[in-house]
Each structure stands twice: as C-alpha cells, then as structure tokens.
Amino acid sequence: MRAPSNRRYAEQRRRGTRGDGLERGSKGRFQSADRWTALSEVPAPTNRFGVRSGGEGGTTPALAAVINAIVDALSELGVRHIEMPATPERVWRNIRAATAGKV
C-alpha cells in the first residue's frame, strides 16, 4: 500500500492556509467580534438578605459528571438514565430494568 501524498498539505503551506479556517487575515483565537455582557442581579428568595452562597457554583458540574460516568459505565447493560442521587439500590434497579428490557 502506498503512503498518502502530502501534495495537498504542501499546497496549503505554499498559499499560507491551514485548511482549518484559521488562514492568514481571518480572525484568530484572540481576535473575535465585540461581546457585550450584562448583569442580572436577582435576590435569592431563601433568606431575608437576598444573598446567594458563592461556593456552590464550582461543585454543581461535579454531580453531573459523576452521574454521566455511572451511566457511561452501565451503558453496555442498556442503562440510559439514572436519577440523582445514584444510590446503590437505584443503580441496581436500573440495571435490572435495563436487562429485563423495561427501560
């Protein structure tokens, strides 16, 4: 079997293009259109000061990552979705339901 030709790559180099949309003259990674942001401050209804806790924002995605990892590990058994919290009993029920064809 013959090795693929680098003719296309050589042509792109000669013209100064890369083939991925980041050619010379186009907007690069740090050159983009102007963006505008706006703050939408909504007081929390759960306390009288209207403040929200600041430390929970970084932990929220971790919960979804754990559930996705569990579903990914059990996908070969037919499990497609598990509700939180993923207790051992809930995981076992989902495995049994998926292997029985109920899900």
C-alpha atoms as a PDB file:
ATOM      1  CA  MET A   1       0.000   0.000   0.000  1.00  0.00           C
ATOM      2  CA  ARG A   2       1.291   3.419  -0.957  1.00  0.00           C
ATOM      3  CA  ALA A   3       1.707   6.201   1.596  1.00  0.00           C
ATOM      4  CA  PRO A   4      -0.699   9.124   1.195  1.00  0.00           C
ATOM      5  CA  SER A   5       0.613  12.111  -0.711  1.00  0.00           C
ATOM      6  CA  ASN A   6       1.456  15.319   1.093  1.00  0.00           C
ATOM      7  CA  ARG A   7       0.714  17.332  -2.029  1.00  0.00           C
ATOM      8  CA  ARG A   8      -2.404  18.926  -0.512  1.00  0.00           C
ATOM      9  CA  TYR A   9      -0.536  19.920   2.643  1.00  0.00           C
ATOM     10  CA  ALA A  10       2.328  21.390   0.591  1.00  0.00           C
ATOM     11  CA  GLU A  11      -0.159  23.418  -1.473  1.00  0.00           C
ATOM     12  CA  GLN A  12      -1.837  24.765   1.662  1.00  0.00           C
ATOM     13  CA  ARG A  13       1.530  25.736   3.106  1.00  0.00           C
ATOM     14  CA  ARG A  14       2.526  27.490  -0.102  1.00  0.00           C
ATOM     15  CA  ARG A  15      -0.714  29.502  -0.110  1.00  0.00           C
ATOM     16  CA  GLY A  16      -0.473  30.246   3.611  1.00  0.00           C
ATOM     17  CA  THR A  17      -3.602  28.318   4.508  1.00  0.00           C
ATOM     18  CA  ARG A  18      -4.022  25.549   7.006  1.00  0.00           C
ATOM     19  CA  GLY A  19      -7.399  24.216   5.973  1.00  0.00           C
ATOM     20  CA  ASP A  20      -8.941  24.701   9.395  1.00  0.00           C
ATOM     21  CA  GLY A  21     -10.387  28.176   8.921  1.00  0.00           C
ATOM     22  CA  LEU A  22      -7.514  29.982  10.637  1.00  0.00           C
ATOM     23  CA  GLU A  23      -5.903  31.297   7.485  1.00  0.00           C
ATOM     24  CA  ARG A  24      -3.947  34.499   7.404  1.00  0.00           C
ATOM     25  CA  GLY A  25      -6.173  37.517   7.540  1.00  0.00           C
ATOM     26  CA  SER A  26      -9.022  35.726   9.249  1.00  0.00           C
ATOM     27  CA  LYS A  27      -9.909  36.208  12.872  1.00  0.00           C
ATOM     28  CA  GLY A  28      -7.753  34.107  15.144  1.00  0.00           C
ATOM     29  CA  ARG A  29      -8.371  32.717  18.569  1.00  0.00           C
ATOM     30  CA  PHE A  30      -7.848  36.030  20.343  1.00  0.00           C
ATOM     31  CA  GLN A  31      -9.445  38.209  17.681  1.00  0.00           C
ATOM     32  CA  SER A  32     -13.193  37.958  17.794  1.00  0.00           C
ATOM     33  CA  ALA A  33     -16.208  40.172  17.483  1.00  0.00           C
ATOM     34  CA  ASP A  34     -17.055  42.508  20.322  1.00  0.00           C
ATOM     35  CA  ARG A  35     -19.091  40.897  23.062  1.00  0.00           C
ATOM     36  CA  TRP A  36     -21.381  42.625  25.476  1.00  0.00           C
ATOM     37  CA  THR A  37     -22.285  41.343  28.896  1.00  0.00           C
ATOM     38  CA  ALA A  38     -24.961  42.410  31.296  1.00  0.00           C
ATOM     39  CA  LEU A  39     -25.545  41.626  34.930  1.00  0.00           C
ATOM     40  CA  SER A  40     -28.898  40.318  36.011  1.00  0.00           C
ATOM     41  CA  GLU A  41     -28.998  40.529  39.760  1.00  0.00           C
ATOM     42  CA  VAL A  42     -31.902  38.620  41.253  1.00  0.00           C
ATOM     43  CA  PRO A  43     -32.115  38.384  45.038  1.00  0.00           C
ATOM     44  CA  ALA A  44     -32.336  34.878  46.467  1.00  0.00           C
ATOM     45  CA  PRO A  45     -35.789  34.234  47.918  1.00  0.00           C
ATOM     46  CA  THR A  46     -34.481  31.768  50.506  1.00  0.00           C
ATOM     47  CA  ASN A  47     -33.169  34.278  53.041  1.00  0.00           C
ATOM     48  CA  ARG A  48     -34.027  37.764  54.225  1.00  0.00           C
ATOM     49  CA  PHE A  49     -30.810  39.324  52.901  1.00  0.00           C
ATOM     50  CA  GLY A  50     -31.317  38.070  49.350  1.00  0.00           C
ATOM     51  CA  VAL A  51     -27.765  36.751  49.105  1.00  0.00           C
ATOM     52  CA  ARG A  52     -26.682  33.539  47.447  1.00  0.00           C
ATOM     53  CA  SER A  53     -23.818  31.340  48.525  1.00  0.00           C
ATOM     54  CA  GLY A  54     -20.769  31.750  46.328  1.00  0.00           C
ATOM     55  CA  GLY A  55     -19.051  28.442  46.929  1.00  0.00           C
ATOM     56  CA  GLU A  56     -21.592  26.102  45.389  1.00  0.00           C
ATOM     57  CA  GLY A  57     -21.096  27.135  41.767  1.00  0.00           C
ATOM     58  CA  GLY A  58     -17.940  25.092  41.320  1.00  0.00           C
ATOM     59  CA  THR A  59     -19.387  21.897  42.761  1.00  0.00           C
ATOM     60  CA  THR A  60     -22.577  21.718  40.697  1.00  0.00           C
ATOM     61  CA  PRO A  61     -20.963  20.321  37.492  1.00  0.00           C
ATOM     62  CA  ALA A  62     -19.269  17.563  39.501  1.00  0.00           C
ATOM     63  CA  LEU A  63     -22.636  15.957  40.252  1.00  0.00           C
ATOM     64  CA  ALA A  64     -23.496  15.710  36.566  1.00  0.00           C
ATOM     65  CA  ALA A  65     -20.033  14.318  35.807  1.00  0.00           C
ATOM     66  CA  VAL A  66     -20.488  11.534  38.357  1.00  0.00           C
ATOM     67  CA  ILE A  67     -23.934  10.598  37.016  1.00  0.00           C
ATOM     68  CA  ASN A  68     -22.606  10.662  33.435  1.00  0.00           C
ATOM     69  CA  ALA A  69     -19.740   8.378  34.455  1.00  0.00           C
ATOM     70  CA  ILE A  70     -22.157   5.902  36.052  1.00  0.00           C
ATOM     71  CA  VAL A  71     -24.450   5.880  33.019  1.00  0.00           C
ATOM     72  CA  ASP A  72     -21.448   5.530  30.707  1.00  0.00           C
ATOM     73  CA  ALA A  73     -20.147   2.568  32.701  1.00  0.00           C
ATOM     74  CA  LEU A  74     -23.552   0.866  32.624  1.00  0.00           C
ATOM     75  CA  SER A  75     -24.448   1.699  29.013  1.00  0.00           C
ATOM     76  CA  GLU A  76     -23.340  -1.747  27.830  1.00  0.00           C
ATOM     77  CA  LEU A  77     -26.062  -3.207  30.056  1.00  0.00           C
ATOM     78  CA  GLY A  78     -28.676  -0.953  28.482  1.00  0.00           C
ATOM     79  CA  VAL A  79     -28.865   1.723  31.192  1.00  0.00           C
ATOM     80  CA  ARG A  80     -29.519   5.108  29.563  1.00  0.00           C
ATOM     81  CA  HIS A  81     -30.502   7.311  32.509  1.00  0.00           C
ATOM     82  CA  ILE A  82     -30.226   7.351  36.310  1.00  0.00           C
ATOM     83  CA  GLU A  83     -31.836   9.929  38.556  1.00  0.00           C
ATOM     84  CA  MET A  84     -29.867  11.573  41.346  1.00  0.00           C
ATOM     85  CA  PRO A  85     -28.958  10.584  43.959  1.00  0.00           C
ATOM     86  CA  ALA A  86     -27.393   7.457  42.487  1.00  0.00           C
ATOM     87  CA  THR A  87     -27.828   5.198  45.478  1.00  0.00           C
ATOM     88  CA  PRO A  88     -26.699   1.572  45.155  1.00  0.00           C
ATOM     89  CA  GLU A  89     -30.333   0.484  45.234  1.00  0.00           C
ATOM     90  CA  ARG A  90     -31.315   2.891  42.447  1.00  0.00           C
ATOM     91  CA  VAL A  91     -28.355   1.812  40.300  1.00  0.00           C
ATOM     92  CA  TRP A  92     -29.230  -1.855  40.849  1.00  0.00           C
ATOM     93  CA  ARG A  93     -32.886  -1.251  39.938  1.00  0.00           C
ATOM     94  CA  ASN A  94     -31.858   0.498  36.724  1.00  0.00           C
ATOM     95  CA  ILE A  95     -29.536  -2.369  35.807  1.00  0.00           C
ATOM     96  CA  ARG A  96     -32.292  -4.942  36.430  1.00  0.00           C
ATOM     97  CA  ALA A  97     -34.861  -2.910  34.487  1.00  0.00           C
ATOM     98  CA  ALA A  98     -32.490  -2.424  31.549  1.00  0.00           C
ATOM     99  CA  THR A  99     -31.523  -6.086  31.332  1.00  0.00           C
ATOM    100  CA  ALA A 100     -35.190  -7.076  31.579  1.00  0.00           C
ATOM    101  CA  GLY A 101     -35.990  -4.709  28.684  1.00  0.00           C
ATOM    102  CA  LYS A 102     -38.202  -2.348  30.693  1.00  0.00           C
ATOM    103  CA  VAL A 103     -36.169   0.786  30.004  1.00  0.00           C
END
